[in-house]
C-alpha atoms as a PDB file:
ATOM      1  CA  MET A   1      -0.454  17.700 -30.200  1.00  0.00           C
ATOM      2  CA  SER A   2      -1.383  14.330 -31.670  1.00  0.00           C
ATOM      3  CA  PRO A   3      -4.102  12.394 -29.850  1.00  0.00           C
ATOM      4  CA  VAL A   4      -2.961   9.910 -27.229  1.00  0.00           C
ATOM      5  CA  PRO A   5      -3.420   6.264 -28.356  1.00  0.00           C
ATOM      6  CA  VAL A   6      -5.927   4.049 -26.550  1.00  0.00           C
ATOM      7  CA  VAL A   7      -3.383   2.359 -24.294  1.00  0.00           C
ATOM      8  CA  GLY A   8      -1.646   5.712 -23.814  1.00  0.00           C
ATOM      9  CA  ARG A   9      -4.915   7.210 -22.617  1.00  0.00           C
ATOM     10  CA  ARG A  10      -5.183   4.387 -20.130  1.00  0.00           C
ATOM     11  CA  SER A  11      -1.734   5.275 -18.784  1.00  0.00           C
ATOM     12  CA  ALA A  12      -2.729   8.770 -17.633  1.00  0.00           C
ATOM     13  CA  ARG A  13      -4.858   8.191 -14.402  1.00  0.00           C
ATOM     14  CA  ARG A  14      -5.457   9.679 -10.954  1.00  0.00           C
ATOM     15  CA  ASN A  15      -5.921  12.835  -8.067  1.00  0.00           C
ATOM     16  CA  GLY A  16      -6.569  14.086  -4.066  1.00  0.00           C
ATOM     17  CA  TRP A  17      -6.057  16.573  -1.071  1.00  0.00           C
ATOM     18  CA  ALA A  18      -5.480  16.689   2.764  1.00  0.00           C
ATOM     19  CA  GLN A  19      -6.444  15.146   6.104  1.00  0.00           C
ATOM     20  CA  PRO A  20      -6.003  16.250   9.730  1.00  0.00           C
ATOM     21  CA  LEU A  21      -3.402  14.609  11.887  1.00  0.00           C
ATOM     22  CA  THR A  22      -4.682  12.060  14.376  1.00  0.00           C
ATOM     23  CA  PRO A  23      -4.998  13.191  18.012  1.00  0.00           C
ATOM     24  CA  GLY A  24      -1.956  12.949  20.236  1.00  0.00           C
ATOM     25  CA  ALA A  25       0.656  13.324  17.508  1.00  0.00           C
ATOM     26  CA  GLU A  26       3.887  15.043  18.464  1.00  0.00           C
ATOM     27  CA  PRO A  27       4.597  18.538  17.054  1.00  0.00           C
ATOM     28  CA  GLU A  28       7.442  17.179  14.909  1.00  0.00           C
ATOM     29  CA  ALA A  29       5.180  14.551  13.395  1.00  0.00           C
ATOM     30  CA  SER A  30       2.471  17.147  12.853  1.00  0.00           C
ATOM     31  CA  ALA A  31       4.871  19.413  10.970  1.00  0.00           C
ATOM     32  CA  ARG A  32       6.146  16.490   8.919  1.00  0.00           C
ATOM     33  CA  ALA A  33       2.580  15.467   8.068  1.00  0.00           C
ATOM     34  CA  ARG A  34       1.724  18.986   6.890  1.00  0.00           C
ATOM     35  CA  LEU A  35       4.866  19.037   4.775  1.00  0.00           C
ATOM     36  CA  LEU A  36       3.967  15.709   3.169  1.00  0.00           C
ATOM     37  CA  LEU A  37       0.443  16.891   2.421  1.00  0.00           C
ATOM     38  CA  ALA A  38       1.816  20.054   0.865  1.00  0.00           C
ATOM     39  CA  ALA A  39       4.179  17.969  -1.274  1.00  0.00           C
ATOM     40  CA  PHE A  40       1.286  15.717  -2.279  1.00  0.00           C
ATOM     41  CA  ALA A  41      -0.813  18.746  -3.252  1.00  0.00           C
ATOM     42  CA  LEU A  42       2.051  20.180  -5.302  1.00  0.00           C
ATOM     43  CA  ALA A  43       2.595  16.859  -7.081  1.00  0.00           C
ATOM     44  CA  ALA A  44      -1.136  16.625  -7.799  1.00  0.00           C
ATOM     45  CA  VAL A  45      -1.283  20.162  -9.191  1.00  0.00           C
ATOM     46  CA  GLY A  46       1.874  19.512 -11.214  1.00  0.00           C
ATOM     47  CA  ASP A  47       0.473  16.321 -12.686  1.00  0.00           C
ATOM     48  CA  LEU A  48      -2.881  17.877 -13.571  1.00  0.00           C
ATOM     49  CA  ALA A  49      -1.164  20.902 -15.099  1.00  0.00           C
ATOM     50  CA  ALA A  50       1.071  18.568 -17.125  1.00  0.00           C
ATOM     51  CA  LEU A  51      -1.976  16.768 -18.494  1.00  0.00           C
ATOM     52  CA  LEU A  52      -3.671  20.034 -19.409  1.00  0.00           C
ATOM     53  CA  ALA A  53      -0.483  21.177 -21.143  1.00  0.00           C
ATOM     54  CA  GLY A  54      -0.072  17.830 -22.908  1.00  0.00           C
ATOM     55  CA  SER A  55       3.360  17.238 -21.375  1.00  0.00           C
ATOM     56  CA  ASP A  56       3.937  13.480 -21.196  1.00  0.00           C
ATOM     57  CA  ALA A  57       7.407  14.015 -19.693  1.00  0.00           C
ATOM     58  CA  ALA A  58       6.086  16.041 -16.737  1.00  0.00           C
ATOM     59  CA  HIS A  59       3.230  13.561 -16.230  1.00  0.00           C
ATOM     60  CA  THR A  60       5.778  10.748 -16.072  1.00  0.00           C
ATOM     61  CA  ILE A  61       7.643  12.655 -13.340  1.00  0.00           C
ATOM     62  CA  PHE A  62       4.709  13.749 -11.185  1.00  0.00           C
ATOM     63  CA  LYS A  63       2.381  10.744 -11.363  1.00  0.00           C
ATOM     64  CA  PRO A  64       4.672   8.231  -9.581  1.00  0.00           C
ATOM     65  CA  LEU A  65       5.162  10.719  -6.704  1.00  0.00           C
ATOM     66  CA  LEU A  66       1.502  10.924  -5.712  1.00  0.00           C
ATOM     67  CA  MET A  67       0.781   7.701  -3.837  1.00  0.00           C
ATOM     68  CA  PRO A  68       4.192   7.420  -2.090  1.00  0.00           C
ATOM     69  CA  LEU A  69       3.703  10.925  -0.650  1.00  0.00           C
ATOM     70  CA  LEU A  70       0.204  10.042   0.551  1.00  0.00           C
ATOM     71  CA  ALA A  71       1.506   6.755   1.971  1.00  0.00           C
ATOM     72  CA  ALA A  72       4.277   8.608   3.821  1.00  0.00           C
ATOM     73  CA  TYR A  73       1.611  10.869   5.306  1.00  0.00           C
ATOM     74  CA  VAL A  74      -0.360   7.833   6.529  1.00  0.00           C
ATOM     75  CA  VAL A  75       2.784   6.404   8.120  1.00  0.00           C
ATOM     76  CA  THR A  76       3.546   9.752   9.795  1.00  0.00           C
ATOM     77  CA  VAL A  77       0.102   9.965  11.407  1.00  0.00           C
ATOM     78  CA  LYS A  78       0.346   6.294  12.440  1.00  0.00           C
ATOM     79  CA  GLY A  79      -2.485   5.168  10.209  1.00  0.00           C
ATOM     80  CA  PRO A  80      -3.286   1.485   9.623  1.00  0.00           C
ATOM     81  CA  ARG A  81      -0.512  -0.423   7.893  1.00  0.00           C
ATOM     82  CA  LEU A  82      -3.043  -1.891   5.506  1.00  0.00           C
ATOM     83  CA  LEU A  83      -3.885   1.629   4.333  1.00  0.00           C
ATOM     84  CA  THR A  84      -0.215   2.185   3.530  1.00  0.00           C
ATOM     85  CA  ALA A  85      -0.268  -1.065   1.561  1.00  0.00           C
ATOM     86  CA  VAL A  86      -3.298   0.164  -0.408  1.00  0.00           C
ATOM     87  CA  LEU A  87      -1.433   3.284  -1.491  1.00  0.00           C
ATOM     88  CA  LEU A  88       1.686   1.332  -2.429  1.00  0.00           C
ATOM     89  CA  PHE A  89      -0.444  -0.951  -4.592  1.00  0.00           C
ATOM     90  CA  GLY A  90      -1.869   2.226  -6.122  1.00  0.00           C
ATOM     91  CA  TRP A  91       1.671   3.434  -6.799  1.00  0.00           C
ATOM     92  CA  GLY A  92       2.413   0.125  -8.505  1.00  0.00           C
ATOM     93  CA  GLY A  93      -0.663   0.484 -10.685  1.00  0.00           C
ATOM     94  CA  ASP A  94       0.102   4.121 -11.495  1.00  0.00           C
ATOM     95  CA  THR A  95       3.654   3.253 -12.545  1.00  0.00           C
ATOM     96  CA  LEU A  96       2.686   0.241 -14.645  1.00  0.00           C
ATOM     97  CA  LEU A  97       0.015   2.217 -16.468  1.00  0.00           C
ATOM     98  CA  LEU A  98       2.679   4.643 -17.677  1.00  0.00           C
ATOM     99  CA  PHE A  99       3.899   1.938 -20.067  1.00  0.00           C
ATOM    100  CA  ASP A 100       2.107   1.863 -23.398  1.00  0.00           C
ATOM    101  CA  ALA A 101       1.504  -1.899 -23.521  1.00  0.00           C
ATOM    102  CA  ASP A 102      -1.414  -4.212 -22.788  1.00  0.00           C
ATOM    103  CA  PRO A 103       0.575  -6.543 -20.444  1.00  0.00           C
ATOM    104  CA  ALA A 104       1.539  -3.536 -18.305  1.00  0.00           C
ATOM    105  CA  PHE A 105      -2.081  -2.387 -18.314  1.00  0.00           C
ATOM    106  CA  LEU A 106      -3.280  -5.781 -17.059  1.00  0.00           C
ATOM    107  CA  ALA A 107      -0.531  -5.881 -14.413  1.00  0.00           C
ATOM    108  CA  GLY A 108      -1.522  -2.381 -13.304  1.00  0.00           C
ATOM    109  CA  MET A 109      -5.150  -3.480 -13.071  1.00  0.00           C
ATOM    110  CA  GLY A 110      -4.010  -6.374 -10.884  1.00  0.00           C
ATOM    111  CA  SER A 111      -2.107  -4.012  -8.597  1.00  0.00           C
ATOM    112  CA  PHE A 112      -5.165  -1.808  -8.163  1.00  0.00           C
ATOM    113  CA  ALA A 113      -7.291  -4.911  -7.565  1.00  0.00           C
ATOM    114  CA  ALA A 114      -4.981  -5.893  -4.678  1.00  0.00           C
ATOM    115  CA  GLY A 115      -5.464  -2.393  -3.273  1.00  0.00           C
ATOM    116  CA  HIS A 116      -9.246  -2.748  -3.492  1.00  0.00           C
ATOM    117  CA  ILE A 117      -9.063  -6.002  -1.529  1.00  0.00           C
ATOM    118  CA  CYS A 118      -7.083  -4.189   1.173  1.00  0.00           C
ATOM    119  CA  TYR A 119      -9.702  -1.436   1.197  1.00  0.00           C
ATOM    120  CA  LEU A 120     -12.456  -4.036   1.654  1.00  0.00           C
ATOM    121  CA  VAL A 121     -10.638  -5.452   4.699  1.00  0.00           C
ATOM    122  CA  LEU A 122     -10.213  -1.941   6.137  1.00  0.00           C
ATOM    123  CA  PHE A 123     -13.874  -1.061   5.593  1.00  0.00           C
ATOM    124  CA  LYS A 124     -14.989  -4.256   7.305  1.00  0.00           C
ATOM    125  CA  ARG A 125     -12.621  -3.608  10.202  1.00  0.00           C
ATOM    126  CA  HIS A 126     -13.466   0.066  10.739  1.00  0.00           C
ATOM    127  CA  GLY A 127     -16.944   0.365   9.234  1.00  0.00           C
ATOM    128  CA  PHE A 128     -19.811   1.934  11.202  1.00  0.00           C
ATOM    129  CA  LYS A 129     -17.362   3.635  13.583  1.00  0.00           C
ATOM    130  CA  HIS A 130     -17.735   7.139  12.221  1.00  0.00           C
ATOM    131  CA  LYS A 131     -19.505   9.683  14.373  1.00  0.00           C
ATOM    132  CA  GLY A 132     -23.263   9.782  14.119  1.00  0.00           C
ATOM    133  CA  PHE A 133     -23.788   6.410  12.473  1.00  0.00           C
ATOM    134  CA  LYS A 134     -26.579   4.376  14.033  1.00  0.00           C
ATOM    135  CA  HIS A 135     -27.762   0.865  13.328  1.00  0.00           C
ATOM    136  CA  ASN A 136     -31.472   1.269  12.708  1.00  0.00           C
ATOM    137  CA  GLY A 137     -34.180   0.572  10.177  1.00  0.00           C
ATOM    138  CA  THR A 138     -33.351   3.701   8.204  1.00  0.00           C
ATOM    139  CA  SER A 139     -29.699   2.716   7.786  1.00  0.00           C
ATOM    140  CA  ARG A 140     -30.680  -0.809   6.730  1.00  0.00           C
ATOM    141  CA  ALA A 141     -33.116   0.579   4.169  1.00  0.00           C
ATOM    142  CA  ARG A 142     -30.421   2.932   2.905  1.00  0.00           C
ATOM    143  CA  GLY A 143     -28.017  -0.004   2.650  1.00  0.00           C
ATOM    144  CA  ALA A 144     -30.523  -1.977   0.562  1.00  0.00           C
ATOM    145  CA  TRP A 145     -31.012   1.021  -1.711  1.00  0.00           C
ATOM    146  CA  LEU A 146     -27.249   1.419  -2.139  1.00  0.00           C
ATOM    147  CA  VAL A 147     -26.833  -2.275  -2.973  1.00  0.00           C
ATOM    148  CA  ALA A 148     -29.460  -1.939  -5.683  1.00  0.00           C
ATOM    149  CA  ALA A 149     -27.909   1.277  -7.036  1.00  0.00           C
ATOM    150  CA  TYR A 150     -24.350  -0.063  -7.224  1.00  0.00           C
ATOM    151  CA  ALA A 151     -25.467  -3.418  -8.625  1.00  0.00           C
ATOM    152  CA  THR A 152     -27.466  -1.651 -11.329  1.00  0.00           C
ATOM    153  CA  ALA A 153     -24.518   0.602 -12.169  1.00  0.00           C
ATOM    154  CA  LEU A 154     -22.227  -2.435 -12.479  1.00  0.00           C
ATOM    155  CA  ILE A 155     -24.586  -4.427 -14.696  1.00  0.00           C
ATOM    156  CA  VAL A 156     -25.472  -1.513 -16.976  1.00  0.00           C
ATOM    157  CA  THR A 157     -21.861  -0.336 -17.366  1.00  0.00           C
ATOM    158  CA  VAL A 158     -20.439  -3.779 -18.170  1.00  0.00           C
ATOM    159  CA  ALA A 159     -23.334  -4.555 -20.533  1.00  0.00           C
ATOM    160  CA  LEU A 160     -22.811  -1.307 -22.444  1.00  0.00           C
ATOM    161  CA  LEU A 161     -19.023  -1.638 -22.620  1.00  0.00           C
ATOM    162  CA  TRP A 162     -18.895  -5.364 -23.410  1.00  0.00           C
ATOM    163  CA  PRO A 163     -19.466  -5.259 -27.200  1.00  0.00           C
ATOM    164  CA  ASP A 164     -16.814  -2.549 -27.695  1.00  0.00           C
ATOM    165  CA  LEU A 165     -14.090  -4.028 -25.469  1.00  0.00           C
ATOM    166  CA  PRO A 166     -11.270  -6.023 -27.083  1.00  0.00           C
ATOM    167  CA  PRO A 167     -12.115  -9.733 -26.602  1.00  0.00           C
ATOM    168  CA  ASP A 168      -9.031 -10.343 -24.444  1.00  0.00           C
ATOM    169  CA  MET A 169     -10.017  -7.455 -22.144  1.00  0.00           C
ATOM    170  CA  ARG A 170     -13.645  -8.412 -21.505  1.00  0.00           C
ATOM    171  CA  GLY A 171     -13.034 -10.922 -18.730  1.00  0.00           C
ATOM    172  CA  PRO A 172     -10.430  -8.860 -16.827  1.00  0.00           C
ATOM    173  CA  VAL A 173     -12.488  -5.667 -17.111  1.00  0.00           C
ATOM    174  CA  ALA A 174     -15.671  -7.406 -15.914  1.00  0.00           C
ATOM    175  CA  GLY A 175     -13.895  -9.038 -12.955  1.00  0.00           C
ATOM    176  CA  TYR A 176     -12.122  -5.835 -11.998  1.00  0.00           C
ATOM    177  CA  SER A 177     -15.381  -3.877 -12.299  1.00  0.00           C
ATOM    178  CA  LEU A 178     -17.078  -6.263  -9.874  1.00  0.00           C
ATOM    179  CA  LEU A 179     -14.286  -5.839  -7.303  1.00  0.00           C
ATOM    180  CA  LEU A 180     -14.184  -2.059  -7.776  1.00  0.00           C
ATOM    181  CA  THR A 181     -17.950  -1.741  -7.340  1.00  0.00           C
ATOM    182  CA  ALA A 182     -17.803  -3.865  -4.184  1.00  0.00           C
ATOM    183  CA  MET A 183     -15.099  -1.552  -2.814  1.00  0.00           C
ATOM    184  CA  ALA A 184     -17.092   1.577  -3.681  1.00  0.00           C
ATOM    185  CA  PHE A 185     -20.191   0.184  -1.991  1.00  0.00           C
ATOM    186  CA  ALA A 186     -18.260  -0.966   1.095  1.00  0.00           C
ATOM    187  CA  ALA A 187     -16.763   2.533   1.433  1.00  0.00           C
ATOM    188  CA  THR A 188     -20.217   3.785   2.413  1.00  0.00           C
ATOM    189  CA  ARG A 189     -19.745   1.955   5.724  1.00  0.00           C
ATOM    190  CA  LEU A 190     -17.304   4.681   6.792  1.00  0.00           C
ATOM    191  CA  GLY A 191     -19.562   7.647   6.102  1.00  0.00           C
ATOM    192  CA  PRO A 192     -19.983  10.281   3.392  1.00  0.00           C
ATOM    193  CA  VAL A 193     -16.293  11.181   2.933  1.00  0.00           C
ATOM    194  CA  ALA A 194     -15.187   7.622   2.180  1.00  0.00           C
ATOM    195  CA  ALA A 195     -18.394   7.029   0.193  1.00  0.00           C
ATOM    196  CA  ALA A 196     -17.540   9.994  -2.043  1.00  0.00           C
ATOM    197  CA  GLY A 197     -14.026   8.595  -2.490  1.00  0.00           C
ATOM    198  CA  GLY A 198     -15.355   5.190  -3.506  1.00  0.00           C
ATOM    199  CA  ALA A 199     -17.812   6.726  -5.970  1.00  0.00           C
ATOM    200  CA  LEU A 200     -15.072   8.881  -7.538  1.00  0.00           C
ATOM    201  CA  PHE A 201     -12.777   5.859  -7.878  1.00  0.00           C
ATOM    202  CA  LEU A 202     -15.599   4.051  -9.661  1.00  0.00           C
ATOM    203  CA  LEU A 203     -16.100   7.049 -11.951  1.00  0.00           C
ATOM    204  CA  SER A 204     -12.372   7.352 -12.685  1.00  0.00           C
ATOM    205  CA  ASP A 205     -11.980   3.732 -13.717  1.00  0.00           C
ATOM    206  CA  THR A 206     -15.206   3.851 -15.725  1.00  0.00           C
ATOM    207  CA  LEU A 207     -13.679   6.710 -17.704  1.00  0.00           C
ATOM    208  CA  ILE A 208     -10.635   4.513 -18.313  1.00  0.00           C
ATOM    209  CA  ALA A 209     -12.865   1.661 -19.495  1.00  0.00           C
ATOM    210  CA  THR A 210     -14.633   3.923 -21.991  1.00  0.00           C
ATOM    211  CA  GLY A 211     -11.213   4.739 -23.435  1.00  0.00           C
ATOM    212  CA  VAL A 212     -10.372   1.033 -23.708  1.00  0.00           C
ATOM    213  CA  ALA A 213     -13.697   0.547 -25.517  1.00  0.00           C
ATOM    214  CA  GLU A 214     -12.789   3.490 -27.784  1.00  0.00           C
ATOM    215  CA  TRP A 215     -15.911   5.454 -26.940  1.00  0.00           C
ATOM    216  CA  PRO A 216     -15.931   9.193 -27.750  1.00  0.00           C
ATOM    217  CA  GLN A 217     -13.970  11.067 -25.087  1.00  0.00           C
ATOM    218  CA  ALA A 218     -14.228  14.511 -23.536  1.00  0.00           C
ATOM    219  CA  PRO A 219     -11.337  16.908 -24.234  1.00  0.00           C
ATOM    220  CA  ARG A 220      -8.251  15.981 -22.190  1.00  0.00           C
ATOM    221  CA  PRO A 221      -9.725  12.697 -20.873  1.00  0.00           C
ATOM    222  CA  ASP A 222      -6.562  11.886 -18.918  1.00  0.00           C
ATOM    223  CA  PHE A 223      -7.025  15.077 -16.890  1.00  0.00           C
ATOM    224  CA  TRP A 224     -10.501  14.013 -15.746  1.00  0.00           C
ATOM    225  CA  ILE A 225      -9.301  10.483 -15.011  1.00  0.00           C
ATOM    226  CA  MET A 226      -6.486  11.773 -12.825  1.00  0.00           C
ATOM    227  CA  LEU A 227      -8.602  14.452 -11.162  1.00  0.00           C
ATOM    228  CA  THR A 228     -11.222  11.948 -10.028  1.00  0.00           C
ATOM    229  CA  TYR A 229      -8.577   9.373  -9.059  1.00  0.00           C
ATOM    230  CA  ILE A 230      -6.465  11.672  -6.898  1.00  0.00           C
ATOM    231  CA  ALA A 231      -9.584  13.011  -5.173  1.00  0.00           C
ATOM    232  CA  ALA A 232     -10.828   9.438  -4.684  1.00  0.00           C
ATOM    233  CA  GLN A 233      -7.646   8.190  -3.018  1.00  0.00           C
ATOM    234  CA  PHE A 234      -7.415  11.215  -0.767  1.00  0.00           C
ATOM    235  CA  LEU A 235     -11.043  10.988   0.344  1.00  0.00           C
ATOM    236  CA  LEU A 236     -10.712   7.269   1.017  1.00  0.00           C
ATOM    237  CA  VAL A 237      -7.597   7.898   3.111  1.00  0.00           C
ATOM    238  CA  ARG A 238      -9.392  10.638   5.009  1.00  0.00           C
ATOM    239  CA  GLY A 239     -12.404   8.377   5.539  1.00  0.00           C
ATOM    240  CA  VAL A 240     -10.309   5.515   6.922  1.00  0.00           C
ATOM    241  CA  LEU A 241      -8.259   7.759   9.211  1.00  0.00           C
ATOM    242  CA  GLY A 242     -11.420   9.498  10.387  1.00  0.00           C
ATOM    243  CA  ALA A 243     -13.004   6.153  11.263  1.00  0.00           C
ATOM    244  CA  CYS A 244     -10.201   4.989  13.552  1.00  0.00           C
ATOM    245  CA  PRO A 245      -8.690   8.009  15.418  1.00  0.00           C
ATOM    246  CA  ALA A 246      -9.841   6.630  18.758  1.00  0.00           C
ATOM    247  CA  GLN A 247      -8.102   3.341  18.051  1.00  0.00           C
ATOM    248  CA  LEU A 248      -4.911   5.128  17.018  1.00  0.00           C
ATOM    249  CA  THR A 249      -5.013   7.278  20.159  1.00  0.00           C
ATOM    250  CA  SER A 250      -5.600   4.278  22.432  1.00  0.00           C
ATOM    251  CA  GLU A 251      -2.732   2.400  20.786  1.00  0.00           C
ATOM    252  CA  SER A 252      -0.446   5.408  21.349  1.00  0.00           C
ATOM    253  CA  ALA A 253      -1.517   5.615  24.979  1.00  0.00           C
ATOM    254  CA  ALA A 254      -0.896   1.892  25.437  1.00  0.00           C
ATOM    255  CA  ALA A 255       2.564   2.248  23.895  1.00  0.00           C
ATOM    256  CA  THR A 256       3.314   5.166  26.220  1.00  0.00           C
ATOM    257  CA  ARG A 257       2.193   3.178  29.257  1.00  0.00           C
ATOM    258  CA  SER A 258       4.279   0.175  28.252  1.00  0.00           C
ATOM    259  CA  ALA A 259       7.330   2.399  27.778  1.00  0.00           C
ATOM    260  CA  ALA A 260       6.919   4.085  31.171  1.00  0.00           C
ATOM    261  CA  PRO A 261       9.039   2.674  34.032  1.00  0.00           C
ATOM    262  CA  THR A 262       7.094   0.350  36.324  1.00  0.00           C
ATOM    263  CA  PRO A 263       7.141   1.458  39.973  1.00  0.00           C
ATOM    264  CA  PRO A 264       8.554  -1.115  42.405  1.00  0.00           C
ATOM    265  CA  ARG A 265       5.939  -3.334  44.039  1.00  0.00           C
ATOM    266  CA  ARG A 266       5.464  -3.188  47.759  1.00  0.00           C
ATOM    267  CA  ASP A 267       4.439  -6.317  49.544  1.00  0.00           C
ATOM    268  CA  ARG A 268       1.180  -5.762  51.388  1.00  0.00           C
ATOM    269  CA  ALA A 269       1.377  -6.537  55.126  1.00  0.00           C
ATOM    270  CA  ARG A 270      -0.795  -9.483  56.090  1.00  0.00           C
END
């Protein structure tokens, strides 16, 4: 098979797996959630297999199914609406990147950037709520170390890529890289699962950037881009849902109480 052109390589992206249903879900919702996760896993396997086989047609079929299935799962388990929005922005980016054109690539980057902003809001809202996290000197020191590590990764990556990027791509790639790195760092607020997702997202898009810069690529680069992407989105979803199950449960309980009939009041004798 002939090698995929630079923009074509950029159009291949993304990968992920499953997350437990939030407490208190009804059996029907639980079954529907498992079905959606199974469908997501099948679409992910199908897309990765298509990339390994070099089938652009199958990739075009499977790739746009990934994020909608994961978003439907989030809706089924009553996850945050903003998380659903993130995945729909991811779907927009995935779809746009299927088109072999620079304007579509930039529009897809913009769609992913909107998703990263939503992630940042979610991480600020639900950060530090995962089990076992404590505010102490050790965590602050770890936070300072992570800031330094992610800042160094951003500066070094952009500096190395800059000379080889097309001039019209340098500004957008640098700005997007800053936002992506901020998202990956902020994901550490939700614990190791979300942190791993943020790091994999950073790795996935760095692989894309090396293709834009026309650096030497590993065999089947689109496979590795999609593998890290799908895993990243799934782990981020799992991290967000894991950080707010208590909130989801309390909201369900409040909804149940509000739906219950109110007993008639009895005037107290004076």
